[in-house]
Protein backbone atom coordinates (compact mmCIF):
# COMPACT_ATOMS: atom_id res chain seq x y z
CA UNK A 1 27.47 -10.25 10.27
CA UNK A 2 24.15 -11.50 8.90
CA UNK A 3 24.27 -13.25 5.58
CA UNK A 4 21.88 -10.76 3.96
CA UNK A 5 24.28 -7.88 4.69
CA UNK A 6 26.50 -9.19 1.88
CA UNK A 7 23.64 -9.55 -0.57
CA UNK A 8 22.54 -6.91 -3.05
CA UNK A 9 19.03 -5.52 -2.89
CA UNK A 10 17.84 -6.75 -6.26
CA UNK A 11 14.28 -7.88 -5.46
CA UNK A 12 11.22 -5.65 -5.78
CA UNK A 13 9.53 -4.74 -2.51
CA UNK A 14 6.69 -7.01 -1.45
CA UNK A 15 3.24 -5.61 -0.54
CA UNK A 16 3.95 -6.33 3.13
CA UNK A 17 7.21 -4.34 3.10
CA UNK A 18 5.45 -1.42 1.38
CA UNK A 19 2.69 -1.50 3.98
CA UNK A 20 5.16 -1.55 6.88
CA UNK A 21 7.10 1.36 5.37
CA UNK A 22 3.87 3.31 4.90
CA UNK A 23 2.91 2.77 8.54
CA UNK A 24 6.26 4.27 9.51
CA UNK A 25 5.62 7.29 7.27
CA UNK A 26 8.21 6.21 4.71
CA UNK A 27 6.52 7.25 1.46
CA UNK A 28 7.60 8.87 -1.79
CA UNK A 29 6.82 12.54 -1.23
CA UNK A 30 8.34 15.74 -2.58
CA UNK A 31 8.30 18.71 -0.22
CA UNK A 32 9.19 20.89 -3.18
CA UNK A 33 5.93 20.03 -4.92
CA UNK A 34 3.86 21.07 -1.91
CA UNK A 35 5.89 24.28 -1.44
CA UNK A 36 5.49 25.28 -5.08
CA UNK A 37 1.75 24.55 -4.98
CA UNK A 38 1.37 26.77 -1.91
CA UNK A 39 3.47 29.56 -3.46
CA UNK A 40 1.59 29.47 -6.75
CA UNK A 41 -1.81 29.42 -5.02
CA UNK A 42 -0.78 32.43 -2.93
CA UNK A 43 0.39 34.37 -5.97
CA UNK A 44 -2.77 33.63 -7.96
CA UNK A 45 -4.98 34.48 -4.99
CA UNK A 46 -3.24 37.84 -4.56
CA UNK A 47 -3.46 38.50 -8.30
CA UNK A 48 -7.15 37.68 -8.68
CA UNK A 49 -8.12 39.17 -5.32
CA UNK A 50 -5.88 42.23 -5.39
CA UNK A 51 -8.89 44.51 -5.62
CA UNK A 52 -10.49 42.96 -2.55
CA UNK A 53 -7.30 43.08 -0.48
CA UNK A 54 -6.56 46.66 -1.61
CA UNK A 55 -9.99 47.98 -0.62
CA UNK A 56 -10.04 46.12 2.71
CA UNK A 57 -6.57 47.22 3.76
CA UNK A 58 -7.28 50.76 2.58
CA UNK A 59 -10.42 50.84 4.70
CA UNK A 60 -8.46 49.74 7.80
CA UNK A 61 -5.75 52.36 7.23
CA UNK A 62 -8.33 55.04 6.44
CA UNK A 63 -10.14 54.31 9.69
CA UNK A 64 -7.02 54.69 11.81
CA UNK A 65 -5.84 57.82 10.01
CA UNK A 66 -9.27 59.46 10.32
CA UNK A 67 -9.57 58.61 14.01
CA UNK A 68 -5.93 59.19 14.89
CA UNK A 69 -6.82 62.28 16.93
CA UNK A 70 -9.56 60.52 18.88
CA UNK A 71 -7.63 57.36 19.64
CA UNK A 72 -5.69 57.88 22.84
CA UNK A 73 -2.84 55.43 23.16
CA UNK A 74 -1.66 54.68 26.67
CA UNK A 75 -0.26 51.65 28.48
CA UNK A 76 -3.73 50.50 29.54
CA UNK A 77 -5.39 50.39 26.11
CA UNK A 78 -2.36 49.73 23.89
CA UNK A 79 -2.87 45.97 24.01
CA UNK A 80 -6.55 46.27 23.10
CA UNK A 81 -5.81 48.53 20.11
CA UNK A 82 -3.11 46.17 18.85
CA UNK A 83 -5.41 43.14 19.19
CA UNK A 84 -8.19 44.94 17.32
CA UNK A 85 -5.82 45.79 14.48
CA UNK A 86 -4.56 42.21 14.33
CA UNK A 87 -8.12 40.83 14.23
CA UNK A 88 -9.01 43.18 11.37
CA UNK A 89 -5.90 42.14 9.44
CA UNK A 90 -6.61 38.45 10.14
CA UNK A 91 -10.13 38.78 8.73
CA UNK A 92 -8.75 40.38 5.56
CA UNK A 93 -5.97 37.83 5.09
CA UNK A 94 -8.07 34.78 6.11
CA UNK A 95 -9.06 33.89 2.50
CA UNK A 96 -5.39 33.93 1.42
CA UNK A 97 -4.18 31.79 4.32
CA UNK A 98 -7.18 29.46 4.03
CA UNK A 99 -6.57 28.80 0.32
CA UNK A 100 -2.83 28.24 0.87
CA UNK A 101 -3.52 25.81 3.75
CA UNK A 102 -6.07 23.89 1.69
CA UNK A 103 -3.66 23.65 -1.25
CA UNK A 104 -0.88 22.39 1.06
CA UNK A 105 -3.12 19.63 2.42
CA UNK A 106 -4.33 18.72 -1.07
CA UNK A 107 -0.79 18.62 -2.50
CA UNK A 108 0.36 16.18 0.17
CA UNK A 109 -2.83 14.09 -0.10
CA UNK A 110 -2.45 13.69 -3.86
CA UNK A 111 1.12 12.46 -3.38
CA UNK A 112 0.65 9.88 -0.62
CA UNK A 113 -3.12 9.52 -0.14
CA UNK A 114 -4.70 9.17 3.33
CA UNK A 115 -1.86 8.50 5.77
CA UNK A 116 -1.67 8.52 9.56
CA UNK A 117 1.89 7.61 10.58
CA UNK A 118 1.95 7.43 14.38
CA UNK A 119 5.57 6.25 14.27
CA UNK A 120 6.63 9.73 13.21
CA UNK A 121 5.22 11.41 16.32
CA UNK A 122 6.51 8.91 18.88
CA UNK A 123 9.23 10.38 21.10
CA UNK A 124 12.64 9.06 20.09
CA UNK A 125 16.00 9.79 21.65
CA UNK A 126 17.60 10.11 18.21
CA UNK A 127 15.44 13.16 17.52
CA UNK A 128 16.90 15.08 20.46
CA UNK A 129 20.39 13.61 20.49
CA UNK A 130 23.01 16.27 19.53
CA UNK A 131 25.21 13.58 17.94
CA UNK A 132 22.35 12.30 15.78
CA UNK A 133 21.48 15.88 14.87
CA UNK A 134 25.03 16.55 13.70
CA UNK A 135 25.00 13.34 11.66
CA UNK A 136 21.74 14.35 10.00
CA UNK A 137 23.14 17.82 9.37
CA UNK A 138 26.04 16.42 7.35
CA UNK A 139 24.23 13.44 5.87
CA UNK A 140 23.99 12.95 2.08
CA UNK A 141 20.29 13.81 2.24
CA UNK A 142 21.02 17.11 4.02
CA UNK A 143 23.72 17.97 1.48
CA UNK A 144 21.28 17.20 -1.31
CA UNK A 145 18.69 19.50 0.26
CA UNK A 146 21.35 22.25 0.55
CA UNK A 147 22.25 21.82 -3.10
CA UNK A 148 18.60 22.02 -4.13
CA UNK A 149 18.08 25.18 -2.06
CA UNK A 150 21.12 26.88 -3.57
CA UNK A 151 20.05 25.82 -7.04
CA UNK A 152 16.54 27.21 -6.51
CA UNK A 153 17.99 30.45 -5.18
CA UNK A 154 20.17 30.73 -8.28
CA UNK A 155 17.21 30.08 -10.58
CA UNK A 156 15.01 32.68 -8.87
CA UNK A 157 17.86 35.22 -8.89
CA UNK A 158 18.45 34.70 -12.58
CA UNK A 159 14.72 35.02 -13.36
CA UNK A 160 14.47 38.24 -11.34
CA UNK A 161 17.56 39.67 -13.03
CA UNK A 162 16.35 38.73 -16.53
CA UNK A 163 12.89 40.21 -15.87
CA UNK A 164 14.18 43.52 -14.46
CA UNK A 165 16.75 43.81 -17.23
CA UNK A 166 13.98 43.47 -19.79
CA UNK A 167 12.11 46.32 -18.11
CA UNK A 168 15.06 48.76 -18.06
CA UNK A 169 13.64 50.88 -20.87
CA UNK A 170 10.38 51.33 -18.93
CA UNK A 171 12.02 52.56 -15.72
CA UNK A 172 13.00 56.07 -16.83
CA UNK A 173 9.46 57.10 -17.92
CA UNK A 174 8.27 56.22 -14.40
CA UNK A 175 9.86 59.42 -13.13
CA UNK A 176 7.04 61.39 -14.75
CA UNK A 177 4.25 59.06 -13.51
CA UNK A 178 1.98 59.44 -10.49
CA UNK A 179 2.66 57.33 -7.35
CA UNK A 180 -0.35 55.09 -8.06
CA UNK A 181 0.96 54.28 -11.54
CA UNK A 182 4.43 53.61 -10.16
CA UNK A 183 3.02 51.21 -7.55
CA UNK A 184 0.90 49.51 -10.24
CA UNK A 185 3.96 49.03 -12.43
CA UNK A 186 6.02 47.66 -9.53
CA UNK A 187 3.20 45.27 -8.69
CA UNK A 188 3.00 44.09 -12.31
CA UNK A 189 6.74 43.44 -12.54
CA UNK A 190 6.78 41.74 -9.13
CA UNK A 191 3.93 39.47 -10.12
CA UNK A 192 5.74 38.60 -13.36
CA UNK A 193 8.89 37.67 -11.38
CA UNK A 194 6.90 35.57 -8.90
CA UNK A 195 4.90 33.84 -11.62
CA UNK A 196 7.96 32.96 -13.71
CA UNK A 197 9.76 31.75 -10.61
CA UNK A 198 6.76 29.59 -9.68
CA UNK A 199 6.69 28.01 -13.15
CA UNK A 200 10.40 27.21 -12.90
CA UNK A 201 9.85 25.78 -9.42
CA UNK A 202 7.05 23.57 -10.75
CA UNK A 203 9.46 21.98 -13.23
CA UNK A 204 12.05 21.47 -10.50
CA UNK A 205 9.38 20.08 -8.15
CA UNK A 206 8.23 17.51 -10.74
CA UNK A 207 11.84 16.41 -11.24
CA UNK A 208 12.27 16.19 -7.46
CA UNK A 209 9.07 14.15 -7.12
CA UNK A 210 10.26 11.65 -9.74
CA UNK A 211 13.63 11.46 -8.00
CA UNK A 212 11.94 10.85 -4.62
CA UNK A 213 9.86 8.05 -6.17
CA UNK A 214 12.99 6.44 -7.64
CA UNK A 215 14.91 6.77 -4.37
CA UNK A 216 11.99 5.40 -2.35
CA UNK A 217 11.70 2.33 -4.59
CA UNK A 218 15.46 1.81 -4.32
CA UNK A 219 15.33 1.96 -0.51
CA UNK A 220 12.43 -0.51 -0.41
CA UNK A 221 14.21 -3.15 -2.48
CA UNK A 222 14.98 -6.39 -0.69
CA UNK A 223 17.62 -9.10 -0.76
CA UNK A 224 16.70 -12.64 -1.72
CA UNK A 225 17.18 -13.69 1.91
CA UNK A 226 14.77 -11.00 3.13
CA UNK A 227 12.15 -12.21 0.64
CA UNK A 228 12.57 -15.77 1.92
CA UNK A 229 12.32 -14.68 5.55
CA UNK A 230 9.18 -12.65 4.86
CA UNK A 231 7.62 -15.60 3.04
CA UNK A 232 8.29 -17.77 6.08
CA UNK A 233 6.67 -15.21 8.36
CA UNK A 234 3.57 -14.72 6.22
CA UNK A 235 3.07 -18.13 4.63
CA UNK A 236 4.91 -20.30 7.13
CA UNK A 237 8.11 -22.28 6.90
CA UNK A 238 7.87 -24.59 3.81
CA UNK A 239 9.38 -27.48 5.81
CA UNK A 240 6.85 -27.03 8.60
CA UNK A 241 4.00 -26.79 6.12
CA UNK A 242 5.20 -29.95 4.36
CA UNK A 243 5.34 -31.72 7.72
CA UNK A 244 1.80 -30.58 8.54
CA UNK A 245 0.53 -31.81 5.16
CA UNK A 246 2.27 -35.12 5.75
CA UNK A 247 0.60 -35.51 9.15
CA UNK A 248 -2.77 -34.60 7.64
CA UNK A 249 -2.33 -37.24 4.93
CA UNK A 250 -1.40 -39.82 7.56
CA UNK A 251 -4.48 -38.95 9.62
CA UNK A 252 -6.72 -39.15 6.55
CA UNK A 253 -5.17 -42.49 5.60
CA UNK A 254 -5.83 -43.87 9.10
CA UNK A 255 -9.48 -42.75 8.95
CA UNK A 256 -9.78 -44.33 5.51
CA UNK A 257 -8.27 -47.62 6.66
CA UNK A 258 -10.69 -47.68 9.59
CA UNK A 259 -13.56 -47.78 7.06
CA UNK A 260 -12.25 -50.83 5.18
CA UNK A 261 -13.62 -53.42 7.67
CA UNK A 262 -17.11 -51.94 7.14
CA UNK A 263 -16.93 -52.22 3.35
CA UNK A 264 -18.93 -54.74 1.32
CA UNK A 265 -16.25 -55.47 -1.25
CA UNK A 266 -12.75 -54.45 -2.35
CA UNK A 267 -12.21 -54.29 -6.11
CA UNK A 268 -8.62 -54.65 -7.42
CA UNK A 269 -6.83 -54.58 -10.78
CA UNK A 270 -5.32 -56.96 -9.19
CA UNK A 271 -1.98 -55.69 -7.84
CA UNK A 272 -1.62 -51.93 -8.22
CA UNK A 273 -5.07 -50.55 -7.31
CA UNK A 274 -7.68 -51.28 -4.66
CA UNK A 275 -11.07 -49.61 -4.13
CA UNK A 276 -13.33 -50.44 -1.17
CA UNK A 277 -17.11 -50.04 -1.71
CA UNK A 278 -19.94 -49.92 0.79
CA UNK A 279 -23.68 -49.91 0.13
CA UNK A 280 -26.66 -49.60 2.47
CA UNK A 281 -29.96 -49.49 0.65
CA UNK A 282 -31.71 -47.80 3.58
CA UNK A 283 -29.34 -44.81 3.89
CA UNK A 284 -27.54 -44.58 0.54
CA UNK A 285 -28.78 -43.75 -2.93
CA UNK A 286 -25.83 -45.55 -4.53
CA UNK A 287 -22.71 -47.46 -3.47
CA UNK A 288 -20.00 -45.29 -1.91
CA UNK A 289 -16.20 -45.43 -2.10
CA UNK A 290 -14.92 -45.63 1.50
CA UNK A 291 -11.24 -46.24 0.70
CA UNK A 292 -8.93 -46.40 -2.27
CA UNK A 293 -5.22 -46.49 -2.93
CA UNK A 294 -2.36 -47.51 -5.18
CA UNK A 295 0.82 -49.45 -4.55
CA UNK A 296 1.53 -50.04 -0.85
CA UNK A 297 -1.77 -48.41 0.17
CA UNK A 298 -3.63 -50.83 -2.09
CA UNK A 299 -1.80 -53.76 -0.51
CA UNK A 300 -2.73 -52.49 2.96
CA UNK A 301 -6.39 -52.16 1.99
CA UNK A 302 -6.45 -55.72 0.70
CA UNK A 303 -4.67 -56.98 3.81
CA UNK A 304 -7.20 -55.33 6.15
CA UNK A 305 -10.09 -56.58 4.00
CA UNK A 306 -8.90 -60.19 4.21
CA UNK A 307 -8.36 -59.90 7.97
CA UNK A 308 -12.01 -58.83 8.43
CA UNK A 309 -13.57 -61.16 5.88
CA UNK A 310 -14.32 -58.50 3.25
CA UNK A 311 -14.37 -60.10 -0.23
CA UNK A 312 -11.57 -58.96 -2.58
CA UNK A 313 -12.73 -59.16 -6.22
CA UNK A 314 -10.45 -58.71 -9.20
CA UNK A 315 -11.95 -56.46 -11.92
CA UNK A 316 -9.27 -54.43 -13.66
CA UNK A 317 -11.45 -52.08 -15.82
CA UNK A 318 -13.85 -51.34 -12.96
CA UNK A 319 -11.04 -50.78 -10.45
CA UNK A 320 -9.33 -48.30 -12.79
CA UNK A 321 -12.56 -46.41 -13.49
CA UNK A 322 -13.46 -46.16 -9.81
CA UNK A 323 -9.95 -45.08 -8.82
CA UNK A 324 -9.77 -42.31 -11.47
CA UNK A 325 -13.31 -40.91 -11.28
CA UNK A 326 -14.50 -41.27 -7.66
CA UNK A 327 -12.96 -39.73 -4.54
CA UNK A 328 -13.16 -41.23 -1.07
CA UNK A 329 -16.56 -40.48 0.48
CA UNK A 330 -18.31 -39.97 -2.88
CA UNK A 331 -20.95 -42.19 -4.46
CA UNK A 332 -20.26 -43.90 -7.76
CA UNK A 333 -21.51 -42.28 -11.01
CA UNK A 334 -24.51 -43.69 -12.88
CA UNK A 335 -22.27 -44.97 -15.67
CA UNK A 336 -20.80 -47.54 -13.25
CA UNK A 337 -24.09 -48.62 -11.63
CA UNK A 338 -24.43 -51.78 -13.70
CA UNK A 339 -20.84 -52.96 -13.31
CA UNK A 340 -20.86 -52.34 -9.54
CA UNK A 341 -24.28 -53.94 -9.15
CA UNK A 342 -23.02 -57.14 -10.78
CA UNK A 343 -20.05 -57.25 -8.38
CA UNK A 344 -22.24 -56.60 -5.34
CA UNK A 345 -24.73 -59.19 -6.45
CA UNK A 346 -21.94 -61.74 -6.71
CA UNK A 347 -20.71 -60.81 -3.23
CA UNK A 348 -24.17 -61.03 -1.72
CA UNK A 349 -24.61 -64.49 -3.21
CA UNK A 350 -21.34 -65.54 -1.63
CA UNK A 351 -22.50 -64.24 1.73
CA UNK A 352 -26.02 -65.55 1.28
CA UNK A 353 -27.48 -62.05 1.67
CA UNK A 354 -30.12 -60.27 -0.36
CA UNK A 355 -30.07 -56.42 -0.71
């Protein structure tokens, strides 16, 4: 078995793991929150728009009752009459369904943001496999969903019972009321039951959302080995990167050593440091450091300089200043102009040159 299978998932998920999970549609989302939002929006829409729905539905029923004698129903026109009635009902109920659909989309968007998970719609054998279906049916997640459904049913039942029980003293006087008043009372009590149930469902949905967030974070956690493997994939293997840096340093050192024979002078301190300077009055504003090094590199610079007849001058303070303040390829600072000029002048006199 892989080594990471024995490790605990103690590390927080990396941004890359979160992004991969999001692409697969694995996000913290509560279906309960969306369901409650849709239910509550439907109840409020019916409550505030009850007058509109009542008048529209009454008009449709009134039309059919008034024209019942003139409407001849037979096998040829039955389908047309049914479609007309369905279209009229759809027009009346369109605002309700439109608001509920918009709220459902908004509830999911606020939970997970813009998300297009193509992995979820790809055909997979596990989705149609009877064995996988049975496993999902008796999985801990399915049992949890069953428990939540039974708990919600119990809560709604208790709310309905408590509400009706509180209205017991108002039921007997309804016997003397007109049908319209009875229907109005039933509608008021029904709305009260639905509204209380929706408020209870909101509390349960918030708890479920927090639980889904906690569970999602727990599932995303990684082992130390997984973190190391991901770092290797994203940043590269540390050993390979170290090898690359080593090769780059070697290449830079070779290029630097190739410049030493062209230098005018090598200044040392005398054993630990070496700095090679070059100056061309026609192309340079000031002398330039073409190579520098300490320890073995310094010894190599001095060795190459002697092989090619480049003067090696001992000047401990100047060598230290150049080594600390000037990088290879840079010109010397103005504060060192005088000291370097004296060294170059001495070298030019040795070579019998004037610059």
